[in-house]
Amino acid sequence: MDRIDLETLDLICKKYINADASLISARTGGLINDTYLLNADNKMYVIQRINRNMDPDLLEFNYGLYSKAFDETGWLYPKWMKSFEGKYFVTDENGDNWRMYPFVKCELLDKKLSKEYLFALGEGLAGMHKIFDSMEDKPKAVYPLLHDLNHYFENYDRVLNGENLLSENRDSALEEEIDSDREKMLGIITDKDSVIHADTKLSNILFIKGKVAGSIDMDTIMPGSVLEDIADCVRSSCVTNGFLNKDAAETIVKGYVSSTDKDKKEITEGLPKVFEKICFELALRYYTDSISEEKYFKESYPGYSREKAKSLLGLVKNI
């Protein structure tokens, strides 16, 4: 998506409120949406241009489910605003859909979390999953193939067979590692009976006064395995320079099992393999991106995706 100017953002904003907007910050070209933080009428708001691959009807169906459950429990989340026309989404002249909501304030964290915060992170994930379990219906996956390793291997094989292939970017050593673990990773099967966030990186979890109080970026909510959510959270918050901090990971898991009604043995025994699979899956996606003309990930510099793939595969080998 192209960058947007302040005049356009102001026009979108005025579809929701009668106030002039000034830009505070922009995070454009993200993996899912383009996000802008605005000041309007001395209040902070978020305006998002949603990815064209996302179905607004599915987003709205899911929002109705989780917003009701969150409101009943006091869980914080982005509360979509309705435009003056009574709609959540506003469509611009290019056919892009926009939404707006008040900025949700929380603590700013980095990966150097104390044991208390790590334990609270696990408790918070368990609390979020409990709320998901209380929803009146199951969400409809906006990205139904998320965490589908078979799908990512199909994409990988398709590219290797010449579809949009950048031959000069291939790495034989990485391909050998991927192929050697193919059957093992495909053999790690998880149930899909729960509801998960599906993007539990640390920046999507809201902390207030040392406790998890909410979550953002809810567009990926879908049926899945809670082990995938825990594993992805561990990957996001406990891995530094390609190495897993096992003590930190264990603290998150302790926090989770202390607060969950789910099978604790299944979680503690199943998580290591699912963590491997999550890391491998992401490595496969990054490597496929690096050798394909079609890109999903945004590269910070040439060769970034290949380096990410190499680091993640190294992590799998060294767990």
C-alpha atoms as a PDB file:
ATOM      1  CA  MET A   1       0.000   0.000   0.000  1.00  0.00           C
ATOM      2  CA  ASP A   2       1.158   3.521  -0.713  1.00  0.00           C
ATOM      3  CA  ARG A   3       1.973   6.020   1.989  1.00  0.00           C
ATOM      4  CA  ILE A   4      -0.873   8.373   2.770  1.00  0.00           C
ATOM      5  CA  ASP A   5      -0.813  12.146   3.334  1.00  0.00           C
ATOM      6  CA  LEU A   6      -2.226  13.971   6.341  1.00  0.00           C
ATOM      7  CA  GLU A   7      -5.024  15.542   4.285  1.00  0.00           C
ATOM      8  CA  THR A   8      -6.366  12.090   3.415  1.00  0.00           C
ATOM      9  CA  LEU A   9      -6.086  10.942   7.036  1.00  0.00           C
ATOM     10  CA  ASP A  10      -7.934  14.059   8.144  1.00  0.00           C
ATOM     11  CA  LEU A  11     -10.733  13.332   5.657  1.00  0.00           C
ATOM     12  CA  ILE A  12     -11.068   9.776   6.993  1.00  0.00           C
ATOM     13  CA  CYS A  13     -11.023  11.051  10.565  1.00  0.00           C
ATOM     14  CA  LYS A  14     -13.858  13.493   9.827  1.00  0.00           C
ATOM     15  CA  LYS A  15     -16.015  10.540   8.793  1.00  0.00           C
ATOM     16  CA  TYR A  16     -15.980   9.584  12.484  1.00  0.00           C
ATOM     17  CA  ILE A  17     -15.570  12.781  14.521  1.00  0.00           C
ATOM     18  CA  ASN A  18     -15.870  16.551  14.009  1.00  0.00           C
ATOM     19  CA  ALA A  19     -12.247  17.486  14.707  1.00  0.00           C
ATOM     20  CA  ASP A  20      -9.066  18.353  12.832  1.00  0.00           C
ATOM     21  CA  ALA A  21      -6.394  15.635  12.938  1.00  0.00           C
ATOM     22  CA  SER A  22      -2.632  15.913  13.271  1.00  0.00           C
ATOM     23  CA  LEU A  23      -0.297  12.968  12.657  1.00  0.00           C
ATOM     24  CA  ILE A  24       1.708  11.657  15.611  1.00  0.00           C
ATOM     25  CA  SER A  25       3.304   8.606  13.995  1.00  0.00           C
ATOM     26  CA  ALA A  26       2.852   6.182  11.116  1.00  0.00           C
ATOM     27  CA  ARG A  27       3.641   2.500  10.687  1.00  0.00           C
ATOM     28  CA  THR A  28       3.026   1.944   7.008  1.00  0.00           C
ATOM     29  CA  GLY A  29       3.797  -1.126   4.944  1.00  0.00           C
ATOM     30  CA  GLY A  30       3.074  -3.467   7.836  1.00  0.00           C
ATOM     31  CA  LEU A  31       2.448  -7.145   7.333  1.00  0.00           C
ATOM     32  CA  ILE A  32      -1.296  -6.765   7.796  1.00  0.00           C
ATOM     33  CA  ASN A  33      -2.508  -3.163   8.026  1.00  0.00           C
ATOM     34  CA  ASP A  34      -1.155   0.365   7.669  1.00  0.00           C
ATOM     35  CA  THR A  35      -1.533   2.063  11.048  1.00  0.00           C
ATOM     36  CA  TYR A  36      -1.532   5.777  11.902  1.00  0.00           C
ATOM     37  CA  LEU A  37      -1.613   7.406  15.332  1.00  0.00           C
ATOM     38  CA  LEU A  38      -3.433  10.740  15.280  1.00  0.00           C
ATOM     39  CA  ASN A  39      -4.241  13.570  17.637  1.00  0.00           C
ATOM     40  CA  ALA A  40      -7.725  14.983  17.236  1.00  0.00           C
ATOM     41  CA  ASP A  41      -9.541  17.211  19.711  1.00  0.00           C
ATOM     42  CA  ASN A  42      -6.697  16.602  22.208  1.00  0.00           C
ATOM     43  CA  LYS A  43      -7.290  12.867  22.144  1.00  0.00           C
ATOM     44  CA  MET A  44      -5.250  10.104  20.521  1.00  0.00           C
ATOM     45  CA  TYR A  45      -6.827   7.873  17.922  1.00  0.00           C
ATOM     46  CA  VAL A  46      -5.664   5.045  15.678  1.00  0.00           C
ATOM     47  CA  ILE A  47      -6.700   4.933  12.036  1.00  0.00           C
ATOM     48  CA  GLN A  48      -5.997   1.777  10.064  1.00  0.00           C
ATOM     49  CA  ARG A  49      -6.186   1.052   6.367  1.00  0.00           C
ATOM     50  CA  ILE A  50      -6.871  -2.681   6.345  1.00  0.00           C
ATOM     51  CA  ASN A  51      -5.140  -5.067   4.020  1.00  0.00           C
ATOM     52  CA  ARG A  52      -7.090  -5.730   0.849  1.00  0.00           C
ATOM     53  CA  ASN A  53      -6.793  -9.491   1.440  1.00  0.00           C
ATOM     54  CA  MET A  54      -8.994  -9.213   4.518  1.00  0.00           C
ATOM     55  CA  ASP A  55     -12.768  -9.570   4.308  1.00  0.00           C
ATOM     56  CA  PRO A  56     -14.466  -6.737   6.264  1.00  0.00           C
ATOM     57  CA  ASP A  57     -17.545  -8.881   6.838  1.00  0.00           C
ATOM     58  CA  LEU A  58     -15.476 -11.574   8.562  1.00  0.00           C
ATOM     59  CA  LEU A  59     -13.636  -8.936  10.601  1.00  0.00           C
ATOM     60  CA  GLU A  60     -16.929  -7.456  11.750  1.00  0.00           C
ATOM     61  CA  PHE A  61     -18.398 -10.876  12.616  1.00  0.00           C
ATOM     62  CA  ASN A  62     -15.379 -11.701  14.771  1.00  0.00           C
ATOM     63  CA  TYR A  63     -15.375  -8.256  16.363  1.00  0.00           C
ATOM     64  CA  GLY A  64     -18.958  -8.760  17.476  1.00  0.00           C
ATOM     65  CA  LEU A  65     -17.959 -11.980  19.236  1.00  0.00           C
ATOM     66  CA  TYR A  66     -14.812 -10.925  21.047  1.00  0.00           C
ATOM     67  CA  SER A  67     -15.892  -7.360  21.866  1.00  0.00           C
ATOM     68  CA  LYS A  68     -18.936  -8.645  23.741  1.00  0.00           C
ATOM     69  CA  ALA A  69     -16.856 -11.177  25.673  1.00  0.00           C
ATOM     70  CA  PHE A  70     -14.129  -8.619  26.410  1.00  0.00           C
ATOM     71  CA  ASP A  71     -16.603  -5.975  27.587  1.00  0.00           C
ATOM     72  CA  GLU A  72     -18.152  -8.456  30.018  1.00  0.00           C
ATOM     73  CA  THR A  73     -14.759  -9.111  31.630  1.00  0.00           C
ATOM     74  CA  GLY A  74     -13.086  -5.682  31.424  1.00  0.00           C
ATOM     75  CA  TRP A  75     -10.401  -6.872  28.989  1.00  0.00           C
ATOM     76  CA  LEU A  76      -8.873  -3.959  27.070  1.00  0.00           C
ATOM     77  CA  TYR A  77      -8.876  -4.003  23.281  1.00  0.00           C
ATOM     78  CA  PRO A  78      -9.270  -1.586  20.327  1.00  0.00           C
ATOM     79  CA  LYS A  79     -12.927  -0.498  20.378  1.00  0.00           C
ATOM     80  CA  TRP A  80     -13.912   0.293  16.824  1.00  0.00           C
ATOM     81  CA  MET A  81     -15.820   3.517  16.292  1.00  0.00           C
ATOM     82  CA  LYS A  82     -18.819   3.859  13.996  1.00  0.00           C
ATOM     83  CA  SER A  83     -18.788   6.532  11.320  1.00  0.00           C
ATOM     84  CA  PHE A  84     -21.488   9.173  11.071  1.00  0.00           C
ATOM     85  CA  GLU A  85     -23.126   6.795   8.584  1.00  0.00           C
ATOM     86  CA  GLY A  86     -23.292   4.122  11.297  1.00  0.00           C
ATOM     87  CA  LYS A  87     -20.631   1.866   9.794  1.00  0.00           C
ATOM     88  CA  TYR A  88     -17.379   0.526  11.238  1.00  0.00           C
ATOM     89  CA  PHE A  89     -15.532   0.767   7.907  1.00  0.00           C
ATOM     90  CA  VAL A  90     -15.123   3.758   5.614  1.00  0.00           C
ATOM     91  CA  THR A  91     -14.154   3.121   1.990  1.00  0.00           C
ATOM     92  CA  ASP A  92     -11.922   5.664   0.218  1.00  0.00           C
ATOM     93  CA  GLU A  93     -11.791   6.566  -3.488  1.00  0.00           C
ATOM     94  CA  ASN A  94      -9.200   3.809  -4.083  1.00  0.00           C
ATOM     95  CA  GLY A  95     -11.489   1.134  -2.685  1.00  0.00           C
ATOM     96  CA  ASP A  96      -9.472   0.702   0.532  1.00  0.00           C
ATOM     97  CA  ASN A  97     -11.327   0.172   3.813  1.00  0.00           C
ATOM     98  CA  TRP A  98     -10.486   2.178   6.928  1.00  0.00           C
ATOM     99  CA  ARG A  99     -11.439   1.922  10.586  1.00  0.00           C
ATOM    100  CA  MET A 100     -10.814   4.135  13.609  1.00  0.00           C
ATOM    101  CA  TYR A 101     -10.615   3.596  17.361  1.00  0.00           C
ATOM    102  CA  PRO A 102      -9.327   5.407  20.462  1.00  0.00           C
ATOM    103  CA  PHE A 103      -5.680   4.676  21.272  1.00  0.00           C
ATOM    104  CA  VAL A 104      -5.313   2.087  24.051  1.00  0.00           C
ATOM    105  CA  LYS A 105      -2.680   3.207  26.578  1.00  0.00           C
ATOM    106  CA  CYS A 106      -0.429   0.623  28.236  1.00  0.00           C
ATOM    107  CA  GLU A 107       3.112   0.016  29.465  1.00  0.00           C
ATOM    108  CA  LEU A 108       5.914   0.059  26.888  1.00  0.00           C
ATOM    109  CA  LEU A 109       7.940  -3.149  27.195  1.00  0.00           C
ATOM    110  CA  ASP A 110      10.966  -4.748  25.593  1.00  0.00           C
ATOM    111  CA  LYS A 111      12.267  -8.315  25.655  1.00  0.00           C
ATOM    112  CA  LYS A 112      14.132  -7.836  28.944  1.00  0.00           C
ATOM    113  CA  LEU A 113      11.209  -8.832  31.110  1.00  0.00           C
ATOM    114  CA  SER A 114      11.579  -9.672  34.773  1.00  0.00           C
ATOM    115  CA  LYS A 115      10.424 -13.054  36.059  1.00  0.00           C
ATOM    116  CA  GLU A 116       7.360 -11.351  37.512  1.00  0.00           C
ATOM    117  CA  TYR A 117       6.406  -9.947  34.112  1.00  0.00           C
ATOM    118  CA  LEU A 118       7.106 -13.241  32.363  1.00  0.00           C
ATOM    119  CA  PHE A 119       4.886 -15.105  34.828  1.00  0.00           C
ATOM    120  CA  ALA A 120       2.184 -12.450  34.397  1.00  0.00           C
ATOM    121  CA  LEU A 121       2.495 -12.832  30.623  1.00  0.00           C
ATOM    122  CA  GLY A 122       1.679 -16.526  30.916  1.00  0.00           C
ATOM    123  CA  GLU A 123      -1.224 -15.782  33.261  1.00  0.00           C
ATOM    124  CA  GLY A 124      -2.511 -13.191  30.814  1.00  0.00           C
ATOM    125  CA  LEU A 125      -2.444 -15.578  27.868  1.00  0.00           C
ATOM    126  CA  ALA A 126      -4.424 -18.108  29.891  1.00  0.00           C
ATOM    127  CA  GLY A 127      -6.898 -15.391  30.862  1.00  0.00           C
ATOM    128  CA  MET A 128      -7.344 -14.345  27.243  1.00  0.00           C
ATOM    129  CA  HIS A 129      -7.977 -17.943  26.186  1.00  0.00           C
ATOM    130  CA  LYS A 130     -10.606 -18.296  28.935  1.00  0.00           C
ATOM    131  CA  ILE A 131     -12.437 -15.290  27.540  1.00  0.00           C
ATOM    132  CA  PHE A 132     -12.242 -16.743  24.041  1.00  0.00           C
ATOM    133  CA  ASP A 133     -13.794 -19.955  25.367  1.00  0.00           C
ATOM    134  CA  SER A 134     -16.738 -17.929  26.710  1.00  0.00           C
ATOM    135  CA  MET A 135     -17.639 -16.403  23.330  1.00  0.00           C
ATOM    136  CA  GLU A 136     -21.070 -17.210  21.945  1.00  0.00           C
ATOM    137  CA  ASP A 137     -19.675 -18.695  18.723  1.00  0.00           C
ATOM    138  CA  LYS A 138     -16.396 -19.617  17.060  1.00  0.00           C
ATOM    139  CA  PRO A 139     -14.695 -16.893  15.003  1.00  0.00           C
ATOM    140  CA  LYS A 140     -14.343 -17.222  11.240  1.00  0.00           C
ATOM    141  CA  ALA A 141     -10.672 -17.224  10.254  1.00  0.00           C
ATOM    142  CA  VAL A 142      -9.718 -14.202   8.163  1.00  0.00           C
ATOM    143  CA  TYR A 143      -6.476 -16.024   7.329  1.00  0.00           C
ATOM    144  CA  PRO A 144      -7.624 -19.687   7.399  1.00  0.00           C
ATOM    145  CA  LEU A 145      -4.205 -21.023   6.301  1.00  0.00           C
ATOM    146  CA  LEU A 146      -2.280 -19.331   9.098  1.00  0.00           C
ATOM    147  CA  HIS A 147      -0.124 -21.954  10.890  1.00  0.00           C
ATOM    148  CA  ASP A 148      -0.899 -24.462   8.114  1.00  0.00           C
ATOM    149  CA  LEU A 149       2.540 -25.979   7.457  1.00  0.00           C
ATOM    150  CA  ASN A 150       1.281 -28.025   4.503  1.00  0.00           C
ATOM    151  CA  HIS A 151       0.197 -24.794   2.835  1.00  0.00           C
ATOM    152  CA  TYR A 152       3.593 -23.164   3.370  1.00  0.00           C
ATOM    153  CA  PHE A 153       5.381 -26.220   1.951  1.00  0.00           C
ATOM    154  CA  GLU A 154       3.111 -26.086  -1.090  1.00  0.00           C
ATOM    155  CA  ASN A 155       4.130 -22.465  -1.640  1.00  0.00           C
ATOM    156  CA  TYR A 156       7.792 -23.367  -1.152  1.00  0.00           C
ATOM    157  CA  ASP A 157       7.648 -26.242  -3.628  1.00  0.00           C
ATOM    158  CA  ARG A 158       5.764 -24.112  -6.139  1.00  0.00           C
ATOM    159  CA  VAL A 159       8.466 -21.446  -6.041  1.00  0.00           C
ATOM    160  CA  LEU A 160      11.279 -24.006  -6.291  1.00  0.00           C
ATOM    161  CA  ASN A 161       9.580 -25.428  -9.375  1.00  0.00           C
ATOM    162  CA  GLY A 162       9.960 -22.091 -11.104  1.00  0.00           C
ATOM    163  CA  GLU A 163       6.945 -19.981 -10.158  1.00  0.00           C
ATOM    164  CA  ASN A 164       8.328 -16.459  -9.517  1.00  0.00           C
ATOM    165  CA  LEU A 165      11.681 -18.026  -8.579  1.00  0.00           C
ATOM    166  CA  LEU A 166      14.742 -15.851  -7.981  1.00  0.00           C
ATOM    167  CA  SER A 167      17.364 -18.530  -8.641  1.00  0.00           C
ATOM    168  CA  GLU A 168      20.258 -16.305  -7.622  1.00  0.00           C
ATOM    169  CA  ASN A 169      18.897 -16.069  -4.071  1.00  0.00           C
ATOM    170  CA  ARG A 170      18.780 -19.805  -3.416  1.00  0.00           C
ATOM    171  CA  ASP A 171      20.833 -21.238  -0.553  1.00  0.00           C
ATOM    172  CA  SER A 172      21.558 -24.955  -0.870  1.00  0.00           C
ATOM    173  CA  ALA A 173      22.511 -25.355   2.801  1.00  0.00           C
ATOM    174  CA  LEU A 174      19.231 -23.858   4.000  1.00  0.00           C
ATOM    175  CA  GLU A 175      17.241 -25.945   1.540  1.00  0.00           C
ATOM    176  CA  GLU A 176      18.977 -29.083   2.803  1.00  0.00           C
ATOM    177  CA  GLU A 177      18.017 -28.190   6.383  1.00  0.00           C
ATOM    178  CA  ILE A 178      14.420 -27.541   5.371  1.00  0.00           C
ATOM    179  CA  ASP A 179      14.130 -30.807   3.455  1.00  0.00           C
ATOM    180  CA  SER A 180      15.764 -32.858   6.222  1.00  0.00           C
ATOM    181  CA  ASP A 181      13.136 -31.696   8.737  1.00  0.00           C
ATOM    182  CA  ARG A 182      10.132 -31.751   6.416  1.00  0.00           C
ATOM    183  CA  GLU A 183       8.587 -35.040   7.550  1.00  0.00           C
ATOM    184  CA  LYS A 184       9.338 -34.425  11.209  1.00  0.00           C
ATOM    185  CA  MET A 185       7.654 -31.031  11.225  1.00  0.00           C
ATOM    186  CA  LEU A 186       4.660 -32.182   9.209  1.00  0.00           C
ATOM    187  CA  GLY A 187       4.245 -34.967  11.762  1.00  0.00           C
ATOM    188  CA  ILE A 188       3.666 -32.497  14.612  1.00  0.00           C
ATOM    189  CA  ILE A 189      -0.120 -32.298  14.717  1.00  0.00           C
ATOM    190  CA  THR A 190      -2.089 -29.995  17.017  1.00  0.00           C
ATOM    191  CA  ASP A 191      -5.804 -29.922  17.708  1.00  0.00           C
ATOM    192  CA  LYS A 192      -7.783 -26.951  16.417  1.00  0.00           C
ATOM    193  CA  ASP A 193     -10.562 -27.079  18.976  1.00  0.00           C
ATOM    194  CA  SER A 194      -9.735 -23.873  20.838  1.00  0.00           C
ATOM    195  CA  VAL A 195      -9.891 -20.206  19.866  1.00  0.00           C
ATOM    196  CA  ILE A 196      -6.551 -18.419  19.620  1.00  0.00           C
ATOM    197  CA  HIS A 197      -5.228 -14.936  18.958  1.00  0.00           C
ATOM    198  CA  ALA A 198      -2.728 -16.339  16.396  1.00  0.00           C
ATOM    199  CA  ASP A 199      -0.310 -13.392  16.637  1.00  0.00           C
ATOM    200  CA  THR A 200       0.781 -13.321  20.276  1.00  0.00           C
ATOM    201  CA  LYS A 201       3.982 -11.334  19.877  1.00  0.00           C
ATOM    202  CA  LEU A 202       4.819  -9.249  22.934  1.00  0.00           C
ATOM    203  CA  SER A 203       3.836  -5.971  21.260  1.00  0.00           C
ATOM    204  CA  ASN A 204       0.251  -7.253  20.927  1.00  0.00           C
ATOM    205  CA  ILE A 205      -0.139  -7.890  24.668  1.00  0.00           C
ATOM    206  CA  LEU A 206      -1.191  -4.954  26.877  1.00  0.00           C
ATOM    207  CA  PHE A 207       0.377  -4.615  30.326  1.00  0.00           C
ATOM    208  CA  ILE A 208      -0.827  -2.223  33.031  1.00  0.00           C
ATOM    209  CA  LYS A 209       0.911  -2.122  36.417  1.00  0.00           C
ATOM    210  CA  GLY A 210       2.708  -5.395  35.784  1.00  0.00           C
ATOM    211  CA  LYS A 211      -0.340  -7.407  34.745  1.00  0.00           C
ATOM    212  CA  VAL A 212      -1.786  -8.295  31.370  1.00  0.00           C
ATOM    213  CA  ALA A 213      -4.890  -6.159  30.887  1.00  0.00           C
ATOM    214  CA  GLY A 214      -5.740  -6.656  27.228  1.00  0.00           C
ATOM    215  CA  SER A 215      -4.620  -7.348  23.672  1.00  0.00           C
ATOM    216  CA  ILE A 216      -4.520  -5.661  20.279  1.00  0.00           C
ATOM    217  CA  ASP A 217      -4.276  -6.732  16.625  1.00  0.00           C
ATOM    218  CA  MET A 218      -7.219  -9.088  16.930  1.00  0.00           C
ATOM    219  CA  ASP A 219      -7.713  -9.608  13.176  1.00  0.00           C
ATOM    220  CA  THR A 220      -6.017 -13.018  13.258  1.00  0.00           C
ATOM    221  CA  ILE A 221      -8.347 -14.548  15.872  1.00  0.00           C
ATOM    222  CA  MET A 222      -9.302 -18.049  14.701  1.00  0.00           C
ATOM    223  CA  PRO A 223      -9.865 -21.671  15.728  1.00  0.00           C
ATOM    224  CA  GLY A 224      -6.548 -23.273  16.582  1.00  0.00           C
ATOM    225  CA  SER A 225      -4.309 -24.716  19.283  1.00  0.00           C
ATOM    226  CA  VAL A 226      -3.467 -22.759  22.430  1.00  0.00           C
ATOM    227  CA  LEU A 227      -0.011 -24.358  22.183  1.00  0.00           C
ATOM    228  CA  GLU A 228       0.569 -22.325  19.020  1.00  0.00           C
ATOM    229  CA  ASP A 229      -0.276 -19.098  20.856  1.00  0.00           C
ATOM    230  CA  ILE A 230       2.013 -19.956  23.786  1.00  0.00           C
ATOM    231  CA  ALA A 231       4.833 -21.023  21.462  1.00  0.00           C
ATOM    232  CA  ASP A 232       4.589 -17.866  19.381  1.00  0.00           C
ATOM    233  CA  CYS A 233       4.625 -15.741  22.524  1.00  0.00           C
ATOM    234  CA  VAL A 234       7.739 -17.545  23.764  1.00  0.00           C
ATOM    235  CA  ARG A 235       9.421 -17.038  20.395  1.00  0.00           C
ATOM    236  CA  SER A 236       8.641 -13.326  20.528  1.00  0.00           C
ATOM    237  CA  SER A 237       9.654 -12.650  24.119  1.00  0.00           C
ATOM    238  CA  CYS A 238      12.323 -15.230  24.993  1.00  0.00           C
ATOM    239  CA  VAL A 239      14.593 -15.392  21.941  1.00  0.00           C
ATOM    240  CA  THR A 240      17.583 -13.067  21.614  1.00  0.00           C
ATOM    241  CA  ASN A 241      20.221 -13.239  18.883  1.00  0.00           C
ATOM    242  CA  GLY A 242      18.995 -16.659  17.810  1.00  0.00           C
ATOM    243  CA  PHE A 243      19.092 -18.237  21.287  1.00  0.00           C
ATOM    244  CA  LEU A 244      16.173 -19.287  23.471  1.00  0.00           C
ATOM    245  CA  ASN A 245      16.206 -18.197  27.110  1.00  0.00           C
ATOM    246  CA  LYS A 246      14.820 -21.426  28.534  1.00  0.00           C
ATOM    247  CA  ASP A 247      14.359 -20.028  32.050  1.00  0.00           C
ATOM    248  CA  ALA A 248      12.244 -17.192  30.670  1.00  0.00           C
ATOM    249  CA  ALA A 249      10.211 -19.615  28.553  1.00  0.00           C
ATOM    250  CA  GLU A 250       9.598 -21.907  31.533  1.00  0.00           C
ATOM    251  CA  THR A 251       8.407 -18.932  33.595  1.00  0.00           C
ATOM    252  CA  ILE A 252       5.808 -18.022  30.958  1.00  0.00           C
ATOM    253  CA  VAL A 253       4.597 -21.623  30.897  1.00  0.00           C
ATOM    254  CA  LYS A 254       4.390 -21.727  34.711  1.00  0.00           C
ATOM    255  CA  GLY A 255       2.262 -18.590  34.616  1.00  0.00           C
ATOM    256  CA  TYR A 256       0.010 -20.117  31.987  1.00  0.00           C
ATOM    257  CA  VAL A 257      -0.569 -23.474  33.692  1.00  0.00           C
ATOM    258  CA  SER A 258      -1.202 -21.710  37.026  1.00  0.00           C
ATOM    259  CA  SER A 259      -4.236 -19.996  35.515  1.00  0.00           C
ATOM    260  CA  THR A 260      -5.658 -22.348  32.904  1.00  0.00           C
ATOM    261  CA  ASP A 261      -8.434 -24.917  33.046  1.00  0.00           C
ATOM    262  CA  LYS A 262      -6.896 -26.803  30.125  1.00  0.00           C
ATOM    263  CA  ASP A 263      -4.844 -30.003  30.387  1.00  0.00           C
ATOM    264  CA  LYS A 264      -1.630 -28.880  32.100  1.00  0.00           C
ATOM    265  CA  LYS A 265       0.284 -32.043  31.217  1.00  0.00           C
ATOM    266  CA  GLU A 266      -0.649 -31.698  27.561  1.00  0.00           C
ATOM    267  CA  ILE A 267       0.617 -28.116  27.578  1.00  0.00           C
ATOM    268  CA  THR A 268       3.959 -28.764  29.273  1.00  0.00           C
ATOM    269  CA  GLU A 269       4.701 -31.940  27.299  1.00  0.00           C
ATOM    270  CA  GLY A 270       3.424 -30.730  23.940  1.00  0.00           C
ATOM    271  CA  LEU A 271       4.847 -27.215  23.894  1.00  0.00           C
ATOM    272  CA  PRO A 272       8.504 -28.022  23.016  1.00  0.00           C
ATOM    273  CA  LYS A 273       7.558 -29.720  19.742  1.00  0.00           C
ATOM    274  CA  VAL A 274       5.021 -27.029  18.845  1.00  0.00           C
ATOM    275  CA  PHE A 275       7.645 -24.356  19.574  1.00  0.00           C
ATOM    276  CA  GLU A 276       9.993 -26.083  17.127  1.00  0.00           C
ATOM    277  CA  LYS A 277       7.242 -26.217  14.547  1.00  0.00           C
ATOM    278  CA  ILE A 278       6.314 -22.532  14.956  1.00  0.00           C
ATOM    279  CA  CYS A 279       9.952 -21.484  14.496  1.00  0.00           C
ATOM    280  CA  PHE A 280      10.409 -23.834  11.535  1.00  0.00           C
ATOM    281  CA  GLU A 281       7.185 -22.611   9.939  1.00  0.00           C
ATOM    282  CA  LEU A 282       8.331 -18.999  10.152  1.00  0.00           C
ATOM    283  CA  ALA A 283      11.777 -19.922   8.816  1.00  0.00           C
ATOM    284  CA  LEU A 284      10.167 -21.660   5.841  1.00  0.00           C
ATOM    285  CA  ARG A 285       8.012 -18.616   5.139  1.00  0.00           C
ATOM    286  CA  TYR A 286      10.990 -16.261   5.319  1.00  0.00           C
ATOM    287  CA  TYR A 287      13.118 -18.447   3.063  1.00  0.00           C
ATOM    288  CA  THR A 288      10.308 -18.859   0.529  1.00  0.00           C
ATOM    289  CA  ASP A 289       9.943 -15.081   0.534  1.00  0.00           C
ATOM    290  CA  SER A 290      13.663 -14.613  -0.067  1.00  0.00           C
ATOM    291  CA  ILE A 291      13.671 -16.731  -3.228  1.00  0.00           C
ATOM    292  CA  SER A 292      10.372 -15.503  -4.646  1.00  0.00           C
ATOM    293  CA  GLU A 293       9.536 -12.420  -6.680  1.00  0.00           C
ATOM    294  CA  GLU A 294       6.303 -12.136  -4.684  1.00  0.00           C
ATOM    295  CA  LYS A 295       6.914 -10.819  -1.166  1.00  0.00           C
ATOM    296  CA  TYR A 296       4.889 -11.156   2.009  1.00  0.00           C
ATOM    297  CA  PHE A 297       7.465  -9.843   4.478  1.00  0.00           C
ATOM    298  CA  LYS A 298       8.989  -6.398   4.349  1.00  0.00           C
ATOM    299  CA  GLU A 299      12.796  -6.565   4.044  1.00  0.00           C
ATOM    300  CA  SER A 300      14.758  -4.133   6.221  1.00  0.00           C
ATOM    301  CA  TYR A 301      17.735  -4.634   3.886  1.00  0.00           C
ATOM    302  CA  PRO A 302      18.694  -6.996   1.026  1.00  0.00           C
ATOM    303  CA  GLY A 303      19.079 -10.526   2.354  1.00  0.00           C
ATOM    304  CA  TYR A 304      17.060  -9.859   5.535  1.00  0.00           C
ATOM    305  CA  SER A 305      14.530 -12.646   4.897  1.00  0.00           C
ATOM    306  CA  ARG A 306      17.255 -15.231   4.256  1.00  0.00           C
ATOM    307  CA  GLU A 307      19.061 -14.210   7.455  1.00  0.00           C
ATOM    308  CA  LYS A 308      15.822 -14.547   9.437  1.00  0.00           C
ATOM    309  CA  ALA A 309      15.273 -18.009   7.975  1.00  0.00           C
ATOM    310  CA  LYS A 310      18.827 -19.049   8.866  1.00  0.00           C
ATOM    311  CA  SER A 311      18.513 -17.722  12.427  1.00  0.00           C
ATOM    312  CA  LEU A 312      15.185 -19.485  13.020  1.00  0.00           C
ATOM    313  CA  LEU A 313      16.442 -22.800  11.639  1.00  0.00           C
ATOM    314  CA  GLY A 314      19.499 -22.467  13.859  1.00  0.00           C
ATOM    315  CA  LEU A 315      17.206 -21.916  16.821  1.00  0.00           C
ATOM    316  CA  VAL A 316      15.306 -25.111  16.010  1.00  0.00           C
ATOM    317  CA  LYS A 317      18.553 -27.068  15.926  1.00  0.00           C
ATOM    318  CA  ASN A 318      19.825 -25.651  19.223  1.00  0.00           C
ATOM    319  CA  ILE A 319      16.758 -26.016  21.422  1.00  0.00           C
END
